Amino acid sequence: MKIKRPFAIVLPGGGFRGAYQAGAITEIGRLGIEIDMVATASVGTCNGAALVLGMWEMLSELWERAVDLKIFQPSLLLKGKSPFAISDVLGQFSEEYGRPGQFNEAQSDFLVSVTNATKMVNEVIDFKSTQWNFSELQNLYLASSCIPYICNRIEVRGDWYVDGGFTNNCPINYVLERGAKEIWVIGMGQPATLEKTFFSVVKHSLKICPKKKFRTLQLLNHMVTEQPILSPQNITFHNITPSSPLDLGHLRLTRQKIKSAIDLGRRDIKQILISKHC
């Protein structure tokens, strides 16, 4: 199979639709395809960590176990807290990957999109850089999937960080800047309805009872949605999306839905590889 070097995989965010990505990554890992760099945002960061660390075999099990975690807990409302326990879910996922320091020994570069909510800018975190210590990398890893208001904001060096998908959900620019010649973007289809419906409810709630001190409303107004992806000249580009509609909501998950999404991701990657052989 001919792949141009440097070869990059980009993993955008998409909530629990990331189970599709998990299937695609599992197939890529099984085939032993060498990857030079992985750029991620939001839930793509959870999946990308497993790929970069060579822990892809456990990814399917992690996603199937996600339905057993109490993602939505209405009882938290009585305690004055957000009913969405996504922060705890991400924490459990991150513990499975060991310590972030392992990225220094990985073959692939790991580039993570985060939103600096204090400065209102997007930042790229290079997990092989010596700029960050162990604790900071751990927090920035979680921050990449930290949806404002739903998850607790994360402080690093005096700045507040939240979900990277708000300012750069498909960080192709990271790998282009590093000279990638072949890029696979493993997306999840159309933007989730969560962006159009749930965030309007959040914005209304914040106007009534603003609990956060950083500018959440501005972040919601500037949220990045999926845009048409243009392939630069002399770059081999594959935009991989589900060949069939994903039957996945954001709160009502079942093991069968997760498994179906994972299986579809595997099949779609196989089809891409078959076409490259032809």
Protein backbone atom coordinates (compact mmCIF):
# COMPACT_ATOMS: atom_id res chain seq x y z
CA MET A 1 0.00 0.00 0.00
CA LYS A 2 1.47 3.34 -1.07
CA ILE A 3 1.18 6.20 1.43
CA LYS A 4 3.01 9.48 0.95
CA ARG A 5 5.29 10.69 3.72
CA PRO A 6 4.86 12.45 6.03
CA PHE A 7 1.50 10.78 6.65
CA ALA A 8 -1.03 12.40 9.00
CA ILE A 9 -4.39 11.47 10.50
CA VAL A 10 -6.77 14.20 11.69
CA LEU A 11 -9.50 13.34 14.21
CA PRO A 12 -12.18 16.04 14.66
CA GLY A 13 -14.65 16.14 17.53
CA GLY A 14 -18.22 14.89 17.45
CA GLY A 15 -19.35 13.71 20.87
CA PHE A 16 -20.30 10.09 21.24
CA ARG A 17 -20.29 9.73 17.48
CA GLY A 18 -16.58 9.27 18.10
CA ALA A 19 -17.33 5.55 18.38
CA TYR A 20 -17.13 5.55 14.57
CA GLN A 21 -13.62 6.98 14.78
CA ALA A 22 -12.72 4.29 17.31
CA GLY A 23 -13.60 1.59 14.80
CA ALA A 24 -11.56 3.22 12.05
CA ILE A 25 -8.57 3.63 14.37
CA THR A 26 -8.81 0.02 15.50
CA GLU A 27 -8.55 -1.14 11.90
CA ILE A 28 -5.64 1.20 11.16
CA GLY A 29 -3.81 -0.10 14.22
CA ARG A 30 -4.52 -3.72 13.36
CA LEU A 31 -2.96 -3.26 9.93
CA GLY A 32 0.15 -1.68 11.43
CA ILE A 33 0.05 1.42 9.25
CA GLU A 34 2.86 3.81 10.22
CA ILE A 35 1.69 7.32 11.03
CA ASP A 36 3.93 10.36 11.30
CA MET A 37 1.53 12.71 13.06
CA VAL A 38 -1.95 12.74 14.59
CA ALA A 39 -3.89 15.99 15.07
CA THR A 40 -7.05 15.95 17.18
CA ALA A 41 -9.82 17.97 18.78
CA SER A 42 -12.43 17.18 21.42
CA VAL A 43 -13.42 13.50 21.46
CA GLY A 44 -10.90 12.89 18.68
CA THR A 45 -8.23 13.49 21.32
CA CYS A 46 -9.49 10.54 23.35
CA ASN A 47 -9.33 8.32 20.28
CA GLY A 48 -6.04 9.78 19.07
CA ALA A 49 -4.27 9.02 22.34
CA ALA A 50 -4.98 5.32 21.91
CA LEU A 51 -3.69 5.41 18.34
CA VAL A 52 -0.47 7.27 19.14
CA LEU A 53 0.33 5.11 22.17
CA GLY A 54 -0.34 1.86 20.30
CA MET A 55 -3.24 1.05 22.65
CA TRP A 56 -5.84 0.80 19.89
CA GLU A 57 -6.80 -2.76 20.88
CA MET A 58 -8.53 -1.51 24.03
CA LEU A 59 -10.39 1.33 22.31
CA SER A 60 -13.47 -0.65 21.24
CA GLU A 61 -13.91 -2.04 24.73
CA LEU A 62 -13.62 1.44 26.22
CA TRP A 63 -16.36 2.77 23.97
CA GLU A 64 -18.66 -0.15 24.65
CA ARG A 65 -18.13 0.41 28.36
CA ALA A 66 -19.09 4.07 27.98
CA VAL A 67 -22.77 3.14 28.04
CA ASP A 68 -22.32 1.77 31.57
CA LEU A 69 -20.99 5.11 32.87
CA LYS A 70 -23.53 7.53 34.25
CA ILE A 71 -23.13 10.23 31.65
CA PHE A 72 -26.39 12.00 32.48
CA GLN A 73 -27.26 12.36 36.16
CA PRO A 74 -30.40 14.46 36.79
CA SER A 75 -29.86 14.12 40.56
CA LEU A 76 -26.91 16.52 40.28
CA LEU A 77 -29.35 19.32 39.53
CA LEU A 78 -30.58 19.10 43.14
CA LYS A 79 -27.01 19.79 44.25
CA GLY A 80 -26.68 22.86 42.05
CA LYS A 81 -24.33 21.09 39.64
CA SER A 82 -24.43 20.30 35.93
CA PRO A 83 -26.31 17.03 35.32
CA PHE A 84 -23.77 16.02 32.68
CA ALA A 85 -20.96 13.94 34.18
CA ILE A 86 -18.83 13.98 31.04
CA SER A 87 -15.78 15.21 32.93
CA ASP A 88 -15.79 12.02 35.00
CA VAL A 89 -16.17 9.90 31.87
CA LEU A 90 -13.18 11.56 30.21
CA GLY A 91 -11.18 11.14 33.40
CA GLN A 92 -11.80 7.41 33.37
CA PHE A 93 -10.86 7.22 29.70
CA SER A 94 -7.61 9.11 30.29
CA GLU A 95 -6.59 6.82 33.14
CA GLU A 96 -6.67 3.89 30.72
CA TYR A 97 -3.92 5.48 28.63
CA GLY A 98 -1.32 5.65 31.37
CA ARG A 99 0.64 8.81 31.94
CA PRO A 100 0.95 11.49 29.23
CA GLY A 101 4.75 11.32 29.46
CA GLN A 102 4.57 8.19 27.33
CA PHE A 103 3.96 10.37 24.27
CA ASN A 104 7.65 11.30 24.25
CA GLU A 105 8.44 7.71 23.31
CA ALA A 106 5.70 7.40 20.66
CA GLN A 107 6.56 7.17 16.98
CA SER A 108 3.87 9.67 15.93
CA ASP A 109 3.67 13.33 16.86
CA PHE A 110 0.52 14.09 18.85
CA LEU A 111 -0.95 17.57 18.22
CA VAL A 112 -4.03 18.56 20.21
CA SER A 113 -6.39 21.48 19.62
CA VAL A 114 -7.51 23.35 22.74
CA THR A 115 -9.34 26.62 23.27
CA ASN A 116 -7.73 29.18 25.54
CA ALA A 117 -10.91 30.71 26.98
CA THR A 118 -8.99 33.45 28.75
CA LYS A 119 -7.37 34.78 25.59
CA MET A 120 -10.17 33.59 23.26
CA VAL A 121 -7.75 31.86 20.88
CA ASN A 122 -7.02 28.37 19.63
CA GLU A 123 -3.77 26.72 20.71
CA VAL A 124 -1.98 23.58 19.55
CA ILE A 125 -0.45 21.40 22.23
CA ASP A 126 2.51 19.31 21.07
CA PHE A 127 2.66 16.38 23.49
CA LYS A 128 6.33 15.79 22.65
CA SER A 129 7.29 19.34 23.54
CA THR A 130 9.25 20.01 26.72
CA GLN A 131 7.19 23.17 27.22
CA TRP A 132 4.69 21.35 29.44
CA ASN A 133 5.20 19.19 32.52
CA PHE A 134 3.36 15.97 33.34
CA SER A 135 0.49 17.56 35.27
CA GLU A 136 -0.06 20.28 32.67
CA LEU A 137 -0.23 17.79 29.80
CA GLN A 138 -2.72 15.71 31.73
CA ASN A 139 -4.96 18.74 32.23
CA LEU A 140 -4.62 19.93 28.63
CA TYR A 141 -5.53 16.45 27.39
CA LEU A 142 -8.80 16.63 29.33
CA ALA A 143 -9.36 20.26 28.36
CA SER A 144 -9.51 19.36 24.67
CA SER A 145 -12.87 17.66 25.30
CA CYS A 146 -14.11 20.04 28.00
CA ILE A 147 -17.42 21.43 26.76
CA PRO A 148 -18.12 24.72 28.57
CA TYR A 149 -20.88 24.60 31.18
CA ILE A 150 -21.24 20.83 30.79
CA CYS A 151 -17.70 20.10 31.98
CA ASN A 152 -15.60 21.91 34.53
CA ARG A 153 -13.20 24.40 32.96
CA ILE A 154 -9.51 23.55 33.43
CA GLU A 155 -6.82 25.97 34.55
CA VAL A 156 -3.24 25.74 33.29
CA ARG A 157 -0.65 28.43 34.09
CA GLY A 158 -3.31 30.98 34.99
CA ASP A 159 -5.38 30.53 31.80
CA TRP A 160 -8.68 28.66 31.50
CA TYR A 161 -8.88 25.97 28.80
CA VAL A 162 -11.94 24.34 27.23
CA ASP A 163 -12.95 22.19 24.25
CA GLY A 164 -10.67 22.60 21.23
CA GLY A 165 -13.61 22.01 18.90
CA PHE A 166 -14.91 25.50 19.60
CA THR A 167 -12.05 27.20 17.79
CA ASN A 168 -10.53 24.48 15.57
CA ASN A 169 -12.54 21.27 15.35
CA CYS A 170 -10.68 19.88 12.34
CA PRO A 171 -7.04 20.92 12.84
CA ILE A 172 -5.68 20.12 9.40
CA ASN A 173 -3.54 23.25 9.56
CA TYR A 174 -1.39 21.66 12.27
CA VAL A 175 -0.23 18.83 10.02
CA LEU A 176 0.06 20.97 6.89
CA GLU A 177 2.42 23.29 8.75
CA ARG A 178 4.57 20.25 9.53
CA GLY A 179 4.76 19.19 5.89
CA ALA A 180 2.20 16.37 5.69
CA LYS A 181 1.86 14.99 2.15
CA GLU A 182 -1.00 12.53 2.75
CA ILE A 183 -3.83 13.33 5.15
CA TRP A 184 -6.77 11.23 6.29
CA VAL A 185 -9.53 13.10 8.11
CA ILE A 186 -11.79 10.67 9.97
CA GLY A 187 -14.95 12.68 10.55
CA MET A 188 -18.42 11.67 11.63
CA GLY A 189 -20.71 13.19 9.04
CA GLN A 190 -22.85 16.27 9.52
CA PRO A 191 -22.42 18.41 12.65
CA ALA A 192 -24.34 16.93 15.54
CA THR A 193 -27.73 18.46 16.36
CA LEU A 194 -26.26 19.24 19.78
CA GLU A 195 -24.62 22.30 18.23
CA LYS A 196 -27.93 23.69 16.96
CA THR A 197 -30.26 22.81 19.81
CA PHE A 198 -28.59 22.13 23.12
CA PHE A 199 -26.22 25.08 23.05
CA SER A 200 -29.14 27.48 22.55
CA VAL A 201 -30.58 26.12 25.79
CA VAL A 202 -27.21 26.56 27.50
CA LYS A 203 -26.96 30.17 26.33
CA HIS A 204 -30.43 30.91 27.69
CA SER A 205 -29.54 29.27 31.00
CA LEU A 206 -26.37 31.33 31.31
CA LYS A 207 -28.31 34.55 30.79
CA ILE A 208 -30.61 33.62 33.68
CA CYS A 209 -27.97 32.19 36.00
CA PRO A 210 -24.39 32.84 34.78
CA LYS A 211 -22.15 30.58 36.86
CA LYS A 212 -18.93 30.85 34.88
CA LYS A 213 -16.59 33.81 35.09
CA PHE A 214 -14.93 33.29 31.70
CA ARG A 215 -16.72 34.38 28.56
CA THR A 216 -18.75 31.28 27.80
CA LEU A 217 -21.37 33.13 25.78
CA GLN A 218 -18.78 34.47 23.36
CA LEU A 219 -17.33 31.00 22.96
CA LEU A 220 -20.74 29.59 22.09
CA ASN A 221 -21.30 32.36 19.56
CA HIS A 222 -17.97 31.62 17.87
CA MET A 223 -18.26 27.85 17.92
CA VAL A 224 -16.64 26.27 14.88
CA THR A 225 -18.89 24.03 12.80
CA GLU A 226 -17.76 21.70 10.05
CA GLN A 227 -16.82 23.51 6.86
CA PRO A 228 -16.06 22.14 3.39
CA ILE A 229 -12.50 20.84 3.39
CA LEU A 230 -10.30 21.98 0.53
CA SER A 231 -7.38 19.80 -0.44
CA PRO A 232 -4.17 21.78 -1.11
CA GLN A 233 -2.25 21.03 -4.26
CA ASN A 234 0.23 18.15 -4.18
CA ILE A 235 -1.47 16.70 -1.09
CA THR A 236 -3.16 13.29 -1.14
CA PHE A 237 -6.32 13.74 0.87
CA HIS A 238 -9.06 11.39 2.11
CA ASN A 239 -12.11 12.76 3.94
CA ILE A 240 -13.47 9.61 5.58
CA THR A 241 -17.05 9.84 6.85
CA PRO A 242 -19.69 7.19 7.68
CA SER A 243 -20.95 5.37 4.61
CA SER A 244 -24.24 4.84 6.45
CA PRO A 245 -26.05 7.17 8.89
CA LEU A 246 -24.91 6.82 12.50
CA ASP A 247 -27.72 5.90 14.88
CA LEU A 248 -26.13 7.60 17.87
CA GLY A 249 -27.60 10.21 20.16
CA HIS A 250 -25.67 12.11 22.80
CA LEU A 251 -27.36 10.73 25.89
CA ARG A 252 -29.31 7.62 24.94
CA LEU A 253 -26.54 5.18 24.17
CA THR A 254 -26.77 1.41 23.94
CA ARG A 255 -24.03 -1.16 23.52
CA GLN A 256 -25.52 -2.21 20.20
CA LYS A 257 -25.45 1.34 18.80
CA ILE A 258 -21.86 1.80 19.90
CA LYS A 259 -20.83 -1.56 18.45
CA SER A 260 -22.57 -0.79 15.14
CA ALA A 261 -20.72 2.52 14.85
CA ILE A 262 -17.39 0.85 15.62
CA ASP A 263 -18.01 -1.88 13.03
CA LEU A 264 -18.95 0.72 10.41
CA GLY A 265 -15.70 2.60 11.05
CA ARG A 266 -13.71 -0.59 10.50
CA ARG A 267 -15.53 -1.39 7.26
CA ASP A 268 -15.10 2.11 5.85
CA ILE A 269 -11.34 2.05 6.47
CA LYS A 270 -11.10 -1.34 4.75
CA GLN A 271 -12.88 0.13 1.74
CA ILE A 272 -10.41 3.05 1.60
CA LEU A 273 -7.48 0.63 1.66
CA ILE A 274 -9.04 -1.54 -1.06
CA SER A 275 -9.42 1.53 -3.29
CA LYS A 276 -5.75 2.46 -2.73
CA HIS A 277 -4.71 -0.97 -3.96
CA CYS A 278 -6.73 -0.63 -7.15
